[in-house]
């Protein structure tokens, strides 16, 4: 049986908090990356590390590496803040080629989402 929270508009996911399993705040969902041919969500783009939107670093999180917690009204990513700080990231003016198989493999491996 489908629950009402299982289906959501992408606009309702943008700006939702992302937390570690210990409930440490890791940032917010900045964008959603779709596979337009396959029709699946591929990545959630996390904004982290800045102040008032300045200096934020962006991270592409494989969609299967996060899950929604209705109790916390946030997404849970199975990494702590230190691992995220060392993750491959990018800035808002220099996005990686997310269609590159080597880049995808490195991201999936980093987040244990293979």
PDB file of N, CA and C in Angstrom:
ATOM      1  N   UNK A   1       0.834  -1.179   0.000  1.00  0.00           N
ATOM      2  CA  UNK A   1       0.000   0.000   0.000  1.00  0.00           C
ATOM      3  C   UNK A   1       0.885   1.251   0.000  1.00  0.00           C
ATOM      4  N   UNK A   2       0.578   2.185  -0.871  1.00  0.00           N
ATOM      5  CA  UNK A   2       1.363   3.405  -0.979  1.00  0.00           C
ATOM      6  C   UNK A   2       0.935   4.394   0.104  1.00  0.00           C
ATOM      7  N   UNK A   3       1.907   4.997   0.765  1.00  0.00           N
ATOM      8  CA  UNK A   3       1.640   6.006   1.775  1.00  0.00           C
ATOM      9  C   UNK A   3       1.782   7.384   1.153  1.00  0.00           C
ATOM     10  N   UNK A   4       1.097   8.358   1.685  1.00  0.00           N
ATOM     11  CA  UNK A   4       1.128   9.706   1.118  1.00  0.00           C
ATOM     12  C   UNK A   4       2.534  10.290   1.122  1.00  0.00           C
ATOM     13  N   UNK A   5       3.391   9.886   2.076  1.00  0.00           N
ATOM     14  CA  UNK A   5       4.747  10.442   2.119  1.00  0.00           C
ATOM     15  C   UNK A   5       5.712   9.708   1.195  1.00  0.00           C
ATOM     16  N   UNK A   6       5.261   8.652   0.513  1.00  0.00           N
ATOM     17  CA  UNK A   6       6.114   7.923  -0.419  1.00  0.00           C
ATOM     18  C   UNK A   6       6.265   8.648  -1.755  1.00  0.00           C
ATOM     19  N   UNK A   7       5.336   9.530  -2.070  1.00  0.00           N
ATOM     20  CA  UNK A   7       5.352  10.267  -3.323  1.00  0.00           C
ATOM     21  C   UNK A   7       5.332  11.747  -2.978  1.00  0.00           C
ATOM     22  N   UNK A   8       6.278  12.489  -3.556  1.00  0.00           N
ATOM     23  CA  UNK A   8       6.401  13.900  -3.193  1.00  0.00           C
ATOM     24  C   UNK A   8       6.895  14.691  -4.397  1.00  0.00           C
ATOM     25  N   UNK A   9       6.508  15.940  -4.495  1.00  0.00           N
ATOM     26  CA  UNK A   9       7.014  16.823  -5.542  1.00  0.00           C
ATOM     27  C   UNK A   9       8.473  17.161  -5.244  1.00  0.00           C
ATOM     28  N   UNK A  10       9.260  17.297  -6.283  1.00  0.00           N
ATOM     29  CA  UNK A  10      10.675  17.647  -6.105  1.00  0.00           C
ATOM     30  C   UNK A  10      10.829  18.961  -5.352  1.00  0.00           C
ATOM     31  N   UNK A  11       9.932  19.898  -5.572  1.00  0.00           N
ATOM     32  CA  UNK A  11      10.022  21.185  -4.878  1.00  0.00           C
ATOM     33  C   UNK A  11       9.858  21.025  -3.369  1.00  0.00           C
ATOM     34  N   UNK A  12       9.211  19.937  -2.938  1.00  0.00           N
ATOM     35  CA  UNK A  12       9.065  19.694  -1.504  1.00  0.00           C
ATOM     36  C   UNK A  12      10.277  18.992  -0.904  1.00  0.00           C
ATOM     37  N   UNK A  13      11.237  18.608  -1.739  1.00  0.00           N
ATOM     38  CA  UNK A  13      12.466  17.975  -1.269  1.00  0.00           C
ATOM     39  C   UNK A  13      13.586  19.016  -1.162  1.00  0.00           C
ATOM     40  N   UNK A  14      13.553  20.027  -2.033  1.00  0.00           N
ATOM     41  CA  UNK A  14      14.555  21.087  -2.001  1.00  0.00           C
ATOM     42  C   UNK A  14      14.496  21.783  -0.639  1.00  0.00           C
ATOM     43  N   UNK A  15      15.644  22.021  -0.060  1.00  0.00           N
ATOM     44  CA  UNK A  15      15.820  22.681   1.237  1.00  0.00           C
ATOM     45  C   UNK A  15      15.492  21.808   2.442  1.00  0.00           C
ATOM     46  N   UNK A  16      15.226  20.522   2.229  1.00  0.00           N
ATOM     47  CA  UNK A  16      15.018  19.616   3.358  1.00  0.00           C
ATOM     48  C   UNK A  16      16.377  19.295   3.975  1.00  0.00           C
ATOM     49  N   UNK A  17      16.433  19.238   5.292  1.00  0.00           N
ATOM     50  CA  UNK A  17      17.673  18.944   6.003  1.00  0.00           C
ATOM     51  C   UNK A  17      18.167  17.539   5.714  1.00  0.00           C
ATOM     52  N   UNK A  18      19.492  17.395   5.731  1.00  0.00           N
ATOM     53  CA  UNK A  18      20.149  16.089   5.655  1.00  0.00           C
ATOM     54  C   UNK A  18      20.948  15.941   6.938  1.00  0.00           C
ATOM     55  N   UNK A  19      20.810  14.793   7.587  1.00  0.00           N
ATOM     56  CA  UNK A  19      21.492  14.550   8.855  1.00  0.00           C
ATOM     57  C   UNK A  19      22.262  13.241   8.801  1.00  0.00           C
ATOM     58  N   UNK A  20      23.228  13.123   9.700  1.00  0.00           N
ATOM     59  CA  UNK A  20      23.960  11.867   9.868  1.00  0.00           C
ATOM     60  C   UNK A  20      23.083  10.937  10.713  1.00  0.00           C
ATOM     61  N   UNK A  21      23.451   9.665  10.811  1.00  0.00           N
ATOM     62  CA  UNK A  21      22.677   8.752  11.665  1.00  0.00           C
ATOM     63  C   UNK A  21      22.602   9.211  13.123  1.00  0.00           C
ATOM     64  N   UNK A  22      23.589   9.995  13.568  1.00  0.00           N
ATOM     65  CA  UNK A  22      23.562  10.505  14.943  1.00  0.00           C
ATOM     66  C   UNK A  22      22.822  11.846  15.039  1.00  0.00           C
ATOM     67  N   UNK A  23      22.110  12.200  13.974  1.00  0.00           N
ATOM     68  CA  UNK A  23      21.268  13.411  13.899  1.00  0.00           C
ATOM     69  C   UNK A  23      22.074  14.708  13.785  1.00  0.00           C
ATOM     70  N   UNK A  24      23.353  14.589  13.415  1.00  0.00           N
ATOM     71  CA  UNK A  24      24.200  15.752  13.183  1.00  0.00           C
ATOM     72  C   UNK A  24      23.777  16.398  11.859  1.00  0.00           C
ATOM     73  N   UNK A  25      23.584  17.708  11.834  1.00  0.00           N
ATOM     74  CA  UNK A  25      23.149  18.394  10.629  1.00  0.00           C
ATOM     75  C   UNK A  25      24.278  18.409   9.603  1.00  0.00           C
ATOM     76  N   UNK A  26      23.979  17.931   8.397  1.00  0.00           N
ATOM     77  CA  UNK A  26      24.977  17.888   7.323  1.00  0.00           C
ATOM     78  C   UNK A  26      24.699  18.902   6.221  1.00  0.00           C
ATOM     79  N   UNK A  27      23.559  19.527   6.235  1.00  0.00           N
ATOM     80  CA  UNK A  27      23.222  20.505   5.206  1.00  0.00           C
ATOM     81  C   UNK A  27      21.803  20.353   4.730  1.00  0.00           C
ATOM     82  N   UNK A  28      21.567  20.853   3.514  1.00  0.00           N
ATOM     83  CA  UNK A  28      20.226  20.823   2.928  1.00  0.00           C
ATOM     84  C   UNK A  28      20.297  20.355   1.481  1.00  0.00           C
ATOM     85  N   UNK A  29      19.194  19.770   1.023  1.00  0.00           N
ATOM     86  CA  UNK A  29      19.085  19.383  -0.382  1.00  0.00           C
ATOM     87  C   UNK A  29      18.969  20.663  -1.208  1.00  0.00           C
ATOM     88  N   UNK A  30      19.886  20.823  -2.133  1.00  0.00           N
ATOM     89  CA  UNK A  30      19.940  21.999  -2.999  1.00  0.00           C
ATOM     90  C   UNK A  30      19.241  21.745  -4.332  1.00  0.00           C
ATOM     91  N   UNK A  31      19.363  20.510  -4.828  1.00  0.00           N
ATOM     92  CA  UNK A  31      18.805  20.182  -6.145  1.00  0.00           C
ATOM     93  C   UNK A  31      18.620  18.679  -6.241  1.00  0.00           C
ATOM     94  N   UNK A  32      17.905  18.256  -7.256  1.00  0.00           N
ATOM     95  CA  UNK A  32      17.662  16.839  -7.551  1.00  0.00           C
ATOM     96  C   UNK A  32      18.125  16.599  -8.981  1.00  0.00           C
ATOM     97  N   UNK A  33      18.922  15.547  -9.194  1.00  0.00           N
ATOM     98  CA  UNK A  33      19.408  15.205 -10.533  1.00  0.00           C
ATOM     99  C   UNK A  33      18.650  13.970 -11.017  1.00  0.00           C
ATOM    100  N   UNK A  34      18.018  14.098 -12.175  1.00  0.00           N
ATOM    101  CA  UNK A  34      17.207  13.022 -12.750  1.00  0.00           C
ATOM    102  C   UNK A  34      17.894  12.400 -13.948  1.00  0.00           C
ATOM    103  N   UNK A  35      17.656  11.119 -14.134  1.00  0.00           N
ATOM    104  CA  UNK A  35      18.028  10.427 -15.365  1.00  0.00           C
ATOM    105  C   UNK A  35      16.820  10.584 -16.283  1.00  0.00           C
ATOM    106  N   UNK A  36      16.899  11.505 -17.217  1.00  0.00           N
ATOM    107  CA  UNK A  36      15.716  11.811 -18.020  1.00  0.00           C
ATOM    108  C   UNK A  36      15.319  10.683 -18.968  1.00  0.00           C
ATOM    109  N   UNK A  37      16.229   9.814 -19.308  1.00  0.00           N
ATOM    110  CA  UNK A  37      15.865   8.666 -20.151  1.00  0.00           C
ATOM    111  C   UNK A  37      15.290   7.525 -19.332  1.00  0.00           C
ATOM    112  N   UNK A  38      15.915   7.251 -18.181  1.00  0.00           N
ATOM    113  CA  UNK A  38      15.466   6.147 -17.337  1.00  0.00           C
ATOM    114  C   UNK A  38      14.343   6.525 -16.389  1.00  0.00           C
ATOM    115  N   UNK A  39      14.144   7.838 -16.197  1.00  0.00           N
ATOM    116  CA  UNK A  39      13.055   8.294 -15.352  1.00  0.00           C
ATOM    117  C   UNK A  39      13.278   8.120 -13.856  1.00  0.00           C
ATOM    118  N   UNK A  40      14.538   7.982 -13.443  1.00  0.00           N
ATOM    119  CA  UNK A  40      14.833   7.773 -12.027  1.00  0.00           C
ATOM    120  C   UNK A  40      15.604   8.958 -11.451  1.00  0.00           C
ATOM    121  N   UNK A  41      15.445   9.176 -10.149  1.00  0.00           N
ATOM    122  CA  UNK A  41      16.278  10.154  -9.459  1.00  0.00           C
ATOM    123  C   UNK A  41      17.656   9.523  -9.290  1.00  0.00           C
ATOM    124  N   UNK A  42      18.700  10.224  -9.697  1.00  0.00           N
ATOM    125  CA  UNK A  42      20.054   9.692  -9.589  1.00  0.00           C
ATOM    126  C   UNK A  42      20.785  10.233  -8.365  1.00  0.00           C
ATOM    127  N   UNK A  43      20.694  11.576  -8.154  1.00  0.00           N
ATOM    128  CA  UNK A  43      21.435  12.212  -7.081  1.00  0.00           C
ATOM    129  C   UNK A  43      20.594  13.289  -6.397  1.00  0.00           C
ATOM    130  N   UNK A  44      20.871  13.461  -5.133  1.00  0.00           N
ATOM    131  CA  UNK A  44      20.421  14.647  -4.410  1.00  0.00           C
ATOM    132  C   UNK A  44      21.672  15.496  -4.240  1.00  0.00           C
ATOM    133  N   UNK A  45      21.582  16.757  -4.556  1.00  0.00           N
ATOM    134  CA  UNK A  45      22.726  17.646  -4.399  1.00  0.00           C
ATOM    135  C   UNK A  45      22.605  18.320  -3.038  1.00  0.00           C
ATOM    136  N   UNK A  46      23.603  18.077  -2.200  1.00  0.00           N
ATOM    137  CA  UNK A  46      23.640  18.590  -0.841  1.00  0.00           C
ATOM    138  C   UNK A  46      24.478  19.859  -0.791  1.00  0.00           C
ATOM    139  N   UNK A  47      23.953  20.867  -0.132  1.00  0.00           N
ATOM    140  CA  UNK A  47      24.689  22.102   0.123  1.00  0.00           C
ATOM    141  C   UNK A  47      25.174  22.055   1.561  1.00  0.00           C
ATOM    142  N   UNK A  48      26.486  22.260   1.754  1.00  0.00           N
ATOM    143  CA  UNK A  48      27.083  22.100   3.081  1.00  0.00           C
ATOM    144  C   UNK A  48      28.271  23.027   3.256  1.00  0.00           C
ATOM    145  N   UNK A  49      28.436  23.538   4.452  1.00  0.00           N
ATOM    146  CA  UNK A  49      29.684  24.182   4.829  1.00  0.00           C
ATOM    147  C   UNK A  49      29.748  25.680   4.738  1.00  0.00           C
ATOM    148  N   UNK A  50      28.774  26.319   4.136  1.00  0.00           N
ATOM    149  CA  UNK A  50      28.841  27.766   4.018  1.00  0.00           C
ATOM    150  C   UNK A  50      28.104  28.464   5.146  1.00  0.00           C
ATOM    151  N   UNK A  51      28.002  29.763   5.002  1.00  0.00           N
ATOM    152  CA  UNK A  51      27.278  30.573   5.971  1.00  0.00           C
ATOM    153  C   UNK A  51      26.330  31.480   5.203  1.00  0.00           C
ATOM    154  N   UNK A  52      25.037  31.365   5.484  1.00  0.00           N
ATOM    155  CA  UNK A  52      24.002  32.146   4.802  1.00  0.00           C
ATOM    156  C   UNK A  52      24.085  31.997   3.280  1.00  0.00           C
ATOM    157  N   UNK A  53      24.365  30.778   2.831  1.00  0.00           N
ATOM    158  CA  UNK A  53      24.415  30.503   1.402  1.00  0.00           C
ATOM    159  C   UNK A  53      25.717  30.877   0.718  1.00  0.00           C
ATOM    160  N   UNK A  54      26.659  31.456   1.453  1.00  0.00           N
ATOM    161  CA  UNK A  54      27.945  31.844   0.866  1.00  0.00           C
ATOM    162  C   UNK A  54      29.002  30.809   1.213  1.00  0.00           C
ATOM    163  N   UNK A  55      29.774  30.410   0.229  1.00  0.00           N
ATOM    164  CA  UNK A  55      30.864  29.475   0.468  1.00  0.00           C
ATOM    165  C   UNK A  55      30.428  28.035   0.617  1.00  0.00           C
ATOM    166  N   UNK A  56      29.166  27.754   0.305  1.00  0.00           N
ATOM    167  CA  UNK A  56      28.690  26.373   0.392  1.00  0.00           C
ATOM    168  C   UNK A  56      29.440  25.496  -0.599  1.00  0.00           C
ATOM    169  N   UNK A  57      29.750  24.309  -0.176  1.00  0.00           N
ATOM    170  CA  UNK A  57      30.293  23.294  -1.063  1.00  0.00           C
ATOM    171  C   UNK A  57      29.119  22.380  -1.400  1.00  0.00           C
ATOM    172  N   UNK A  58      29.077  21.894  -2.627  1.00  0.00           N
ATOM    173  CA  UNK A  58      28.001  21.004  -3.059  1.00  0.00           C
ATOM    174  C   UNK A  58      28.533  19.584  -3.185  1.00  0.00           C
ATOM    175  N   UNK A  59      27.664  18.625  -2.881  1.00  0.00           N
ATOM    176  CA  UNK A  59      27.994  17.213  -2.964  1.00  0.00           C
ATOM    177  C   UNK A  59      26.860  16.489  -3.664  1.00  0.00           C
ATOM    178  N   UNK A  60      27.199  15.617  -4.606  1.00  0.00           N
ATOM    179  CA  UNK A  60      26.197  14.783  -5.253  1.00  0.00           C
ATOM    180  C   UNK A  60      26.086  13.492  -4.448  1.00  0.00           C
ATOM    181  N   UNK A  61      24.942  13.304  -3.812  1.00  0.00           N
ATOM    182  CA  UNK A  61      24.704  12.093  -3.028  1.00  0.00           C
ATOM    183  C   UNK A  61      23.907  11.114  -3.865  1.00  0.00           C
ATOM    184  N   UNK A  62      24.401   9.915  -4.070  1.00  0.00           N
ATOM    185  CA  UNK A  62      23.579   8.935  -4.777  1.00  0.00           C
ATOM    186  C   UNK A  62      22.241   8.795  -4.046  1.00  0.00           C
ATOM    187  N   UNK A  63      21.154   8.837  -4.805  1.00  0.00           N
ATOM    188  CA  UNK A  63      19.830   8.809  -4.188  1.00  0.00           C
ATOM    189  C   UNK A  63      19.672   7.616  -3.258  1.00  0.00           C
ATOM    190  N   UNK A  64      20.245   6.478  -3.635  1.00  0.00           N
ATOM    191  CA  UNK A  64      20.088   5.287  -2.788  1.00  0.00           C
ATOM    192  C   UNK A  64      20.959   5.331  -1.531  1.00  0.00           C
ATOM    193  N   UNK A  65      21.775   6.384  -1.377  1.00  0.00           N
ATOM    194  CA  UNK A  65      22.596   6.491  -0.165  1.00  0.00           C
ATOM    195  C   UNK A  65      21.885   7.278   0.941  1.00  0.00           C
ATOM    196  N   UNK A  66      20.714   7.823   0.647  1.00  0.00           N
ATOM    197  CA  UNK A  66      19.958   8.557   1.659  1.00  0.00           C
ATOM    198  C   UNK A  66      18.579   7.927   1.815  1.00  0.00           C
ATOM    199  N   UNK A  67      17.995   8.132   2.977  1.00  0.00           N
ATOM    200  CA  UNK A  67      16.606   7.708   3.177  1.00  0.00           C
ATOM    201  C   UNK A  67      15.889   8.757   4.008  1.00  0.00           C
ATOM    202  N   UNK A  68      14.593   8.843   3.802  1.00  0.00           N
ATOM    203  CA  UNK A  68      13.805   9.853   4.496  1.00  0.00           C
ATOM    204  C   UNK A  68      13.357   9.340   5.851  1.00  0.00           C
ATOM    205  N   UNK A  69      13.491  10.185   6.857  1.00  0.00           N
ATOM    206  CA  UNK A  69      13.040   9.876   8.210  1.00  0.00           C
ATOM    207  C   UNK A  69      11.821  10.740   8.524  1.00  0.00           C
ATOM    208  N   UNK A  70      10.623  10.148   8.497  1.00  0.00           N
ATOM    209  CA  UNK A  70       9.424  10.944   8.802  1.00  0.00           C
ATOM    210  C   UNK A  70       9.457  11.540  10.208  1.00  0.00           C
ATOM    211  N   UNK A  71      10.065  10.825  11.154  1.00  0.00           N
ATOM    212  CA  UNK A  71      10.136  11.328  12.531  1.00  0.00           C
ATOM    213  C   UNK A  71      10.947  12.623  12.605  1.00  0.00           C
ATOM    214  N   UNK A  72      12.058  12.668  11.853  1.00  0.00           N
ATOM    215  CA  UNK A  72      12.930  13.840  11.868  1.00  0.00           C
ATOM    216  C   UNK A  72      12.584  14.856  10.787  1.00  0.00           C
ATOM    217  N   UNK A  73      11.710  14.458   9.862  1.00  0.00           N
ATOM    218  CA  UNK A  73      11.380  15.293   8.703  1.00  0.00           C
ATOM    219  C   UNK A  73      12.647  15.726   7.981  1.00  0.00           C
ATOM    220  N   UNK A  74      13.560  14.768   7.823  1.00  0.00           N
ATOM    221  CA  UNK A  74      14.836  15.033   7.157  1.00  0.00           C
ATOM    222  C   UNK A  74      15.317  13.753   6.481  1.00  0.00           C
ATOM    223  N   UNK A  75      16.322  13.926   5.615  1.00  0.00           N
ATOM    224  CA  UNK A  75      16.970  12.775   5.003  1.00  0.00           C
ATOM    225  C   UNK A  75      18.151  12.373   5.862  1.00  0.00           C
ATOM    226  N   UNK A  76      18.427  11.084   5.919  1.00  0.00           N
ATOM    227  CA  UNK A  76      19.553  10.551   6.676  1.00  0.00           C
ATOM    228  C   UNK A  76      20.572  10.009   5.679  1.00  0.00           C
ATOM    229  N   UNK A  77      21.808  10.476   5.816  1.00  0.00           N
ATOM    230  CA  UNK A  77      22.933  10.011   5.010  1.00  0.00           C
ATOM    231  C   UNK A  77      23.865   9.266   5.947  1.00  0.00           C
ATOM    232  N   UNK A  78      24.278   8.085   5.566  1.00  0.00           N
ATOM    233  CA  UNK A  78      25.060   7.236   6.463  1.00  0.00           C
ATOM    234  C   UNK A  78      26.541   7.621   6.499  1.00  0.00           C
ATOM    235  N   UNK A  79      26.820   8.916   6.720  1.00  0.00           N
ATOM    236  CA  UNK A  79      28.192   9.387   6.938  1.00  0.00           C
ATOM    237  C   UNK A  79      28.163  10.447   8.028  1.00  0.00           C
ATOM    238  N   UNK A  80      29.297  10.657   8.666  1.00  0.00           N
ATOM    239  CA  UNK A  80      29.376  11.735   9.649  1.00  0.00           C
ATOM    240  C   UNK A  80      29.946  12.985   8.970  1.00  0.00           C
ATOM    241  N   UNK A  81      29.980  14.070   9.701  1.00  0.00           N
ATOM    242  CA  UNK A  81      30.415  15.362   9.158  1.00  0.00           C
ATOM    243  C   UNK A  81      31.852  15.306   8.651  1.00  0.00           C
ATOM    244  N   UNK A  82      32.727  14.585   9.343  1.00  0.00           N
ATOM    245  CA  UNK A  82      34.127  14.500   8.921  1.00  0.00           C
ATOM    246  C   UNK A  82      34.262  13.800   7.571  1.00  0.00           C
ATOM    247  N   UNK A  83      33.538  12.691   7.385  1.00  0.00           N
ATOM    248  CA  UNK A  83      33.611  11.996   6.094  1.00  0.00           C
ATOM    249  C   UNK A  83      33.050  12.885   4.987  1.00  0.00           C
ATOM    250  N   UNK A  84      31.991  13.622   5.291  1.00  0.00           N
ATOM    251  CA  UNK A  84      31.422  14.519   4.291  1.00  0.00           C
ATOM    252  C   UNK A  84      32.408  15.628   3.928  1.00  0.00           C
ATOM    253  N   UNK A  85      33.115  16.170   4.914  1.00  0.00           N
ATOM    254  CA  UNK A  85      34.094  17.227   4.637  1.00  0.00           C
ATOM    255  C   UNK A  85      35.162  16.757   3.664  1.00  0.00           C
ATOM    256  N   UNK A  86      35.481  15.471   3.674  1.00  0.00           N
ATOM    257  CA  UNK A  86      36.506  14.905   2.797  1.00  0.00           C
ATOM    258  C   UNK A  86      35.945  14.319   1.503  1.00  0.00           C
ATOM    259  N   UNK A  87      34.647  14.393   1.337  1.00  0.00           N
ATOM    260  CA  UNK A  87      33.999  13.827   0.147  1.00  0.00           C
ATOM    261  C   UNK A  87      34.328  14.664  -1.090  1.00  0.00           C
ATOM    262  N   UNK A  88      34.278  14.036  -2.269  1.00  0.00           N
ATOM    263  CA  UNK A  88      34.462  14.802  -3.496  1.00  0.00           C
ATOM    264  C   UNK A  88      33.278  15.753  -3.671  1.00  0.00           C
ATOM    265  N   UNK A  89      33.560  17.024  -3.706  1.00  0.00           N
ATOM    266  CA  UNK A  89      32.515  18.032  -3.850  1.00  0.00           C
ATOM    267  C   UNK A  89      32.832  18.980  -4.986  1.00  0.00           C
ATOM    268  N   UNK A  90      31.996  19.985  -5.127  1.00  0.00           N
ATOM    269  CA  UNK A  90      32.172  20.969  -6.193  1.00  0.00           C
ATOM    270  C   UNK A  90      31.490  22.261  -5.769  1.00  0.00           C
ATOM    271  N   UNK A  91      31.771  23.338  -6.508  1.00  0.00           N
ATOM    272  CA  UNK A  91      31.102  24.594  -6.183  1.00  0.00           C
ATOM    273  C   UNK A  91      29.993  24.846  -7.198  1.00  0.00           C
ATOM    274  N   UNK A  92      29.129  25.794  -6.871  1.00  0.00           N
ATOM    275  CA  UNK A  92      27.931  26.014  -7.682  1.00  0.00           C
ATOM    276  C   UNK A  92      28.224  26.466  -9.104  1.00  0.00           C
ATOM    277  N   UNK A  93      29.430  26.953  -9.368  1.00  0.00           N
ATOM    278  CA  UNK A  93      29.786  27.401 -10.714  1.00  0.00           C
ATOM    279  C   UNK A  93      30.643  26.394 -11.478  1.00  0.00           C
ATOM    280  N   UNK A  94      30.881  25.228 -10.896  1.00  0.00           N
ATOM    281  CA  UNK A  94      31.776  24.257 -11.528  1.00  0.00           C
ATOM    282  C   UNK A  94      31.288  22.841 -11.251  1.00  0.00           C
ATOM    283  N   UNK A  95      30.163  22.476 -11.850  1.00  0.00           N
ATOM    284  CA  UNK A  95      29.563  21.158 -11.636  1.00  0.00           C
ATOM    285  C   UNK A  95      30.331  20.089 -12.407  1.00  0.00           C
ATOM    286  N   UNK A  96      30.444  18.893 -11.844  1.00  0.00           N
ATOM    287  CA  UNK A  96      31.104  17.793 -12.573  1.00  0.00           C
ATOM    288  C   UNK A  96      30.197  17.260 -13.674  1.00  0.00           C
ATOM    289  N   UNK A  97      30.794  16.481 -14.567  1.00  0.00           N
ATOM    290  CA  UNK A  97      30.015  15.790 -15.591  1.00  0.00           C
ATOM    291  C   UNK A  97      29.415  14.544 -14.942  1.00  0.00           C
ATOM    292  N   UNK A  98      28.183  14.622 -14.516  1.00  0.00           N
ATOM    293  CA  UNK A  98      27.544  13.526 -13.793  1.00  0.00           C
ATOM    294  C   UNK A  98      27.191  12.343 -14.683  1.00  0.00           C
ATOM    295  N   UNK A  99      27.383  12.493 -15.989  1.00  0.00           N
ATOM    296  CA  UNK A  99      27.174  11.381 -16.917  1.00  0.00           C
ATOM    297  C   UNK A  99      28.459  10.585 -17.146  1.00  0.00           C
ATOM    298  N   UNK A 100      29.575  11.067 -16.628  1.00  0.00           N
ATOM    299  CA  UNK A 100      30.859  10.388 -16.776  1.00  0.00           C
ATOM    300  C   UNK A 100      30.879   9.127 -15.909  1.00  0.00           C
ATOM    301  N   UNK A 101      31.060   7.944 -16.512  1.00  0.00           N
ATOM    302  CA  UNK A 101      31.041   6.687 -15.742  1.00  0.00           C
ATOM    303  C   UNK A 101      32.112   6.626 -14.649  1.00  0.00           C
ATOM    304  N   UNK A 102      33.299   7.202 -14.891  1.00  0.00           N
ATOM    305  CA  UNK A 102      34.360   7.192 -13.867  1.00  0.00           C
ATOM    306  C   UNK A 102      33.951   8.038 -12.658  1.00  0.00           C
ATOM    307  N   UNK A 103      33.377   9.208 -12.937  1.00  0.00           N
ATOM    308  CA  UNK A 103      32.924  10.075 -11.848  1.00  0.00           C
ATOM    309  C   UNK A 103      31.826   9.358 -11.053  1.00  0.00           C
ATOM    310  N   UNK A 104      30.869   8.779 -11.763  1.00  0.00           N
ATOM    311  CA  UNK A 104      29.773   8.079 -11.089  1.00  0.00           C
ATOM    312  C   UNK A 104      30.296   6.941 -10.211  1.00  0.00           C
ATOM    313  N   UNK A 105      31.229   6.175 -10.731  1.00  0.00           N
ATOM    314  CA  UNK A 105      31.791   5.065  -9.969  1.00  0.00           C
ATOM    315  C   UNK A 105      32.471   5.556  -8.691  1.00  0.00           C
ATOM    316  N   UNK A 106      33.222   6.660  -8.786  1.00  0.00           N
ATOM    317  CA  UNK A 106      33.904   7.181  -7.599  1.00  0.00           C
ATOM    318  C   UNK A 106      32.903   7.660  -6.551  1.00  0.00           C
ATOM    319  N   UNK A 107      31.817   8.275  -6.978  1.00  0.00           N
ATOM    320  CA  UNK A 107      30.793   8.761  -6.040  1.00  0.00           C
ATOM    321  C   UNK A 107      30.061   7.587  -5.395  1.00  0.00           C
ATOM    322  N   UNK A 108      29.670   6.602  -6.202  1.00  0.00           N
ATOM    323  CA  UNK A 108      28.978   5.428  -5.651  1.00  0.00           C
ATOM    324  C   UNK A 108      29.865   4.700  -4.642  1.00  0.00           C
ATOM    325  N   UNK A 109      31.150   4.570  -4.957  1.00  0.00           N
ATOM    326  CA  UNK A 109      32.081   3.915  -4.028  1.00  0.00           C
ATOM    327  C   UNK A 109      32.256   4.712  -2.745  1.00  0.00           C
ATOM    328  N   UNK A 110      32.361   6.033  -2.866  1.00  0.00           N
ATOM    329  CA  UNK A 110      32.595   6.860  -1.677  1.00  0.00           C
ATOM    330  C   UNK A 110      31.455   6.731  -0.665  1.00  0.00           C
ATOM    331  N   UNK A 111      30.252   6.670  -1.171  1.00  0.00           N
ATOM    332  CA  UNK A 111      29.072   6.591  -0.291  1.00  0.00           C
ATOM    333  C   UNK A 111      28.559   5.153  -0.098  1.00  0.00           C
ATOM    334  N   UNK A 112      29.370   4.178  -0.501  1.00  0.00           N
ATOM    335  CA  UNK A 112      28.989   2.763  -0.372  1.00  0.00           C
ATOM    336  C   UNK A 112      27.606   2.495  -0.960  1.00  0.00           C
ATOM    337  N   UNK A 113      27.379   3.049  -2.141  1.00  0.00           N
ATOM    338  CA  UNK A 113      26.074   2.934  -2.797  1.00  0.00           C
ATOM    339  C   UNK A 113      26.154   2.087  -4.062  1.00  0.00           C
ATOM    340  N   UNK A 114      27.131   1.211  -4.130  1.00  0.00           N
ATOM    341  CA  UNK A 114      27.348   0.393  -5.325  1.00  0.00           C
ATOM    342  C   UNK A 114      26.272  -0.671  -5.424  1.00  0.00           C
TER     343      UNK A 114
END
